[in-house]
Protein backbone atom coordinates (compact mmCIF):
# COMPACT_ATOMS: atom_id res chain seq x y z
CA MET A 1 2.09 -5.38 16.73
CA THR A 2 2.18 -8.18 19.33
CA ILE A 3 3.10 -7.64 23.01
CA LYS A 4 6.44 -9.40 22.38
CA GLU A 5 7.21 -7.08 19.47
CA LYS A 6 6.31 -4.03 21.57
CA ILE A 7 8.66 -5.16 24.34
CA ILE A 8 11.48 -5.73 21.84
CA GLU A 9 10.88 -2.33 20.28
CA ALA A 10 10.91 -0.66 23.71
CA LEU A 11 14.21 -2.35 24.58
CA GLN A 12 15.68 -1.21 21.28
CA ILE A 13 14.55 2.38 21.84
CA LEU A 14 16.08 2.36 25.33
CA GLY A 15 19.33 1.06 23.88
CA ILE A 16 19.22 -2.14 25.92
CA LEU A 17 18.81 -4.25 22.82
CA LYS A 18 21.23 -2.92 20.22
CA GLU A 19 20.62 -5.24 17.28
CA PRO A 20 17.34 -6.53 15.89
CA ILE A 21 16.42 -10.09 16.82
CA ASP A 22 15.19 -10.67 13.26
CA GLU A 23 18.38 -11.08 11.23
CA LYS A 24 16.49 -10.11 8.09
CA LEU A 25 16.29 -6.56 9.41
CA ASN A 26 20.03 -6.43 10.00
CA ARG A 27 20.63 -5.81 6.31
CA SER A 28 21.04 -2.64 4.28
CA ILE A 29 18.00 -1.08 2.66
CA ALA A 30 19.82 -1.03 -0.67
CA SER A 31 20.30 -4.80 -0.70
CA GLU A 32 16.68 -5.69 0.07
CA ARG A 33 14.10 -6.77 -2.50
CA PHE A 34 10.89 -4.84 -1.98
CA VAL A 35 7.57 -5.52 -3.68
CA VAL A 36 5.52 -2.37 -4.14
CA LEU A 37 1.86 -3.23 -4.60
CA ASP A 38 -1.59 -1.80 -5.12
CA THR A 39 -5.02 -3.36 -5.47
CA GLU A 40 -8.05 -2.10 -7.34
CA THR A 41 -11.22 -3.26 -5.61
CA THR A 42 -14.98 -3.07 -5.94
CA GLY A 43 -15.09 -0.93 -2.80
CA PHE A 44 -13.65 -0.48 0.67
CA ASP A 45 -15.54 -3.08 2.68
CA TYR A 46 -13.20 -5.85 3.81
CA VAL A 47 -15.99 -8.43 3.93
CA THR A 48 -18.27 -7.79 0.95
CA ASP A 49 -15.94 -6.20 -1.59
CA ARG A 50 -13.52 -8.03 -3.86
CA ILE A 51 -10.19 -7.41 -5.56
CA LEU A 52 -10.42 -6.65 -9.27
CA CYS A 53 -6.71 -6.38 -9.98
CA ILE A 54 -3.35 -6.71 -8.23
CA GLY A 55 -0.47 -4.63 -9.53
CA ALA A 56 3.06 -4.96 -8.17
CA ILE A 57 6.60 -3.88 -9.01
CA THR A 58 9.91 -5.09 -7.59
CA LEU A 59 12.44 -2.60 -6.29
CA GLN A 60 16.05 -3.37 -5.41
CA ASP A 61 19.34 -1.49 -5.42
CA GLY A 62 17.41 1.75 -5.86
CA THR A 63 16.02 0.49 -9.18
CA ILE A 64 12.42 -0.14 -10.20
CA ASN A 65 12.20 -3.31 -12.29
CA LEU A 66 9.42 -2.68 -14.81
CA GLN A 67 10.41 -5.72 -16.86
CA ASN A 68 9.24 -7.96 -14.03
CA ALA A 69 6.04 -6.10 -13.17
CA PHE A 70 2.99 -8.06 -11.97
CA GLU A 71 -0.48 -7.08 -13.19
CA HIS A 72 -3.35 -9.54 -13.25
CA TYR A 73 -7.11 -9.09 -13.29
CA MET A 74 -9.50 -11.34 -11.41
CA ASP A 75 -12.88 -12.70 -12.45
CA GLN A 76 -15.55 -10.40 -11.08
CA GLU A 77 -18.25 -12.15 -9.09
CA HIS A 78 -19.05 -8.94 -7.24
CA PHE A 79 -19.60 -5.78 -9.27
CA ASP A 80 -20.21 -2.23 -8.08
CA LYS A 81 -20.99 0.31 -10.80
CA SER A 82 -20.08 3.23 -8.53
CA SER A 83 -16.47 2.09 -8.20
CA VAL A 84 -16.01 2.07 -11.99
CA GLN A 85 -15.86 5.87 -11.86
CA ILE A 86 -12.61 5.52 -9.89
CA HIS A 87 -10.74 2.59 -11.43
CA GLY A 88 -12.51 2.31 -14.79
CA ILE A 89 -12.54 -1.49 -14.78
CA ILE A 90 -15.65 -3.14 -16.20
CA ARG A 91 -16.25 -6.77 -17.14
CA SER A 92 -16.14 -6.30 -20.91
CA ASP A 93 -12.89 -4.35 -20.80
CA VAL A 94 -10.86 -7.05 -19.11
CA LEU A 95 -10.15 -9.77 -21.63
CA ASP A 96 -7.19 -11.40 -19.93
CA HIS A 97 -8.56 -12.29 -16.52
CA LYS A 98 -8.10 -15.28 -14.26
CA SER A 99 -9.84 -16.80 -11.29
CA GLU A 100 -9.20 -15.29 -7.88
CA VAL A 101 -7.28 -18.34 -6.68
CA GLN A 102 -5.07 -18.37 -9.80
CA VAL A 103 -4.04 -14.74 -9.37
CA LEU A 104 -3.46 -15.22 -5.65
CA LYS A 105 -1.16 -18.20 -6.21
CA MET A 106 0.78 -16.27 -8.84
CA PHE A 107 1.09 -13.25 -6.57
CA VAL A 108 2.28 -15.24 -3.55
CA GLU A 109 4.99 -16.81 -5.72
CA TYR A 110 5.96 -13.38 -7.12
CA LEU A 111 6.07 -11.85 -3.66
CA GLY A 112 8.19 -14.50 -1.96
CA ASP A 113 9.57 -13.24 1.35
CA SER A 114 10.04 -9.66 0.15
CA ILE A 115 9.03 -6.68 2.23
CA ILE A 116 5.72 -5.21 1.06
CA ILE A 117 5.50 -1.49 0.28
CA ALA A 118 2.16 0.21 -0.34
CA HIS A 119 0.32 3.43 0.35
CA HIS A 120 -2.07 2.77 3.22
CA THR A 121 -0.72 -0.77 3.31
CA LYS A 122 -3.30 -2.10 5.77
CA PHE A 123 -6.10 -1.90 3.22
CA ASP A 124 -4.31 -3.75 0.42
CA VAL A 125 -2.83 -6.44 2.67
CA THR A 126 -6.14 -7.02 4.47
CA MET A 127 -7.99 -7.37 1.17
CA ILE A 128 -5.38 -9.87 -0.09
CA ASN A 129 -5.38 -11.80 3.20
CA ASN A 130 -9.17 -12.03 3.18
CA ALA A 131 -9.03 -13.37 -0.37
CA LEU A 132 -6.34 -15.88 0.60
CA GLU A 133 -8.34 -17.05 3.59
CA ARG A 134 -11.48 -17.32 1.46
CA ASN A 135 -9.62 -19.68 -0.85
CA GLY A 136 -8.13 -21.80 1.93
CA MET A 137 -4.63 -20.37 1.58
CA PRO A 138 -2.33 -19.06 4.37
CA LYS A 139 -2.32 -15.33 5.04
CA LEU A 140 0.72 -13.24 4.17
CA THR A 141 3.37 -13.01 6.86
CA ASN A 142 5.65 -10.57 5.03
CA LYS A 143 6.86 -7.47 6.78
CA THR A 144 5.20 -4.30 5.53
CA LEU A 145 5.98 -0.60 5.23
CA ASP A 146 3.55 2.21 4.47
CA THR A 147 4.62 5.20 2.36
CA ALA A 148 1.89 7.29 4.01
CA VAL A 149 3.58 6.73 7.39
CA LEU A 150 7.16 6.96 6.13
CA TYR A 151 6.50 10.25 4.34
CA LYS A 152 5.42 11.89 7.59
CA LYS A 153 8.76 10.88 9.11
CA THR A 154 10.58 12.96 6.50
CA LEU A 155 8.76 16.19 7.38
CA ILE A 156 10.53 18.89 9.35
CA LYS A 157 8.79 19.56 12.63
CA SER A 158 7.90 23.22 12.91
CA ASN A 159 5.04 25.23 14.36
CA LEU A 160 5.18 27.37 11.24
CA LEU A 161 4.14 24.54 8.96
CA GLN A 162 0.73 22.91 8.56
CA TYR A 163 0.57 19.13 8.67
CA LYS A 164 -2.12 16.65 7.65
CA ASP A 165 -3.17 13.65 9.67
CA HIS A 166 -3.30 11.61 6.47
CA TYR A 167 -1.41 12.05 3.21
CA THR A 168 -2.92 10.59 0.05
CA LEU A 169 -0.98 9.12 -2.85
CA ASP A 170 -1.95 12.23 -4.80
CA ASP A 171 -0.32 14.34 -2.07
CA LEU A 172 2.95 12.42 -2.47
CA ALA A 173 2.78 12.55 -6.26
CA ASP A 174 2.35 16.32 -6.12
CA LYS A 175 5.07 16.74 -3.51
CA PHE A 176 7.61 14.70 -5.47
CA ASP A 177 6.45 15.88 -8.91
CA ILE A 178 5.45 12.38 -10.05
CA SER A 179 3.19 12.01 -13.08
CA LYS A 180 -0.35 10.87 -12.28
CA LYS A 181 -1.11 9.76 -15.83
CA ASP A 182 -1.95 6.16 -14.83
CA ARG A 183 -3.48 7.00 -11.45
CA HIS A 184 -6.22 4.63 -10.21
CA THR A 185 -4.87 1.60 -12.04
CA ALA A 186 -3.22 -1.04 -9.87
CA ILE A 187 0.10 -1.03 -11.74
CA GLY A 188 0.01 2.75 -12.17
CA ASP A 189 -0.48 3.38 -8.47
CA ALA A 190 2.18 0.80 -7.62
CA TYR A 191 4.60 2.67 -9.89
CA ILE A 192 3.78 6.04 -8.29
CA THR A 193 4.21 4.47 -4.85
CA ALA A 194 7.57 2.96 -5.85
CA ILE A 195 8.91 6.32 -7.02
CA ALA A 196 7.60 8.02 -3.88
CA PHE A 197 9.28 5.34 -1.75
CA LEU A 198 12.63 5.96 -3.46
CA LYS A 199 12.22 9.71 -2.87
CA ILE A 200 11.44 9.03 0.80
CA LEU A 201 14.49 6.77 1.15
CA LYS A 202 16.67 9.53 -0.30
CA LYS A 203 15.42 11.94 2.36
CA LEU A 204 15.86 9.37 5.13
CA LYS A 205 19.38 8.59 3.95
CA GLU A 206 20.27 12.19 4.77
CA LYS A 207 19.40 11.26 8.36
CA GLU A 208 21.76 8.27 8.12
CA ILE A 209 18.88 5.81 7.92
CA THR A 210 20.38 3.05 5.79
CA MET A 211 19.49 -0.24 7.50
CA LEU A 212 16.19 -2.09 7.37
CA TYR A 213 15.71 -2.00 11.14
CA HIS A 214 15.95 1.78 10.96
CA LEU A 215 12.80 1.87 8.80
CA PHE A 216 10.85 -0.24 11.27
CA ARG A 217 11.90 1.92 14.23
CA LEU A 218 10.73 5.20 12.72
């Protein structure tokens, strides 16, 4: 967050600035098009590791649009056998794969100006931005929300309850009774994240959180 954004947020919290400066945030959550995404990568190093697959699903009006899902595999220049145990992707298994730049161009078009939703969003967005920069393309400027952060905002504060510093996607799947059948695939994790996000929104709605700017003030 920039210094300007911090000042604006502080003014909003103090009630001096009632409405968000960004008109995009002055819309209802229900009307917004969200893109829920996940990446499968060769590892967790932002510099040396690469994206193997991007999976994404659109969400609008409380509905997950599976007909318009995005799932594309990238050519693998970098390969780490240890990561196969997690995502199961190996060169010979992926028949329909494209170059990194092809998938990135397709994803940017699919994404548009939608708000990005992911679990631990920073990792996925940083990996995508590094790939974009590597291919001479502009970085993403979309607003982002993190289900790991939003979930914590739904928890009741009590000294009688134990809280974690970090909640995994498995934690949310267990909490909301979401099937983990396709866990550790990009599209599977995006789907789990999308359902978890809808469950979170339902809980937040009980607190009269219905506008986009509400989500970014939590």
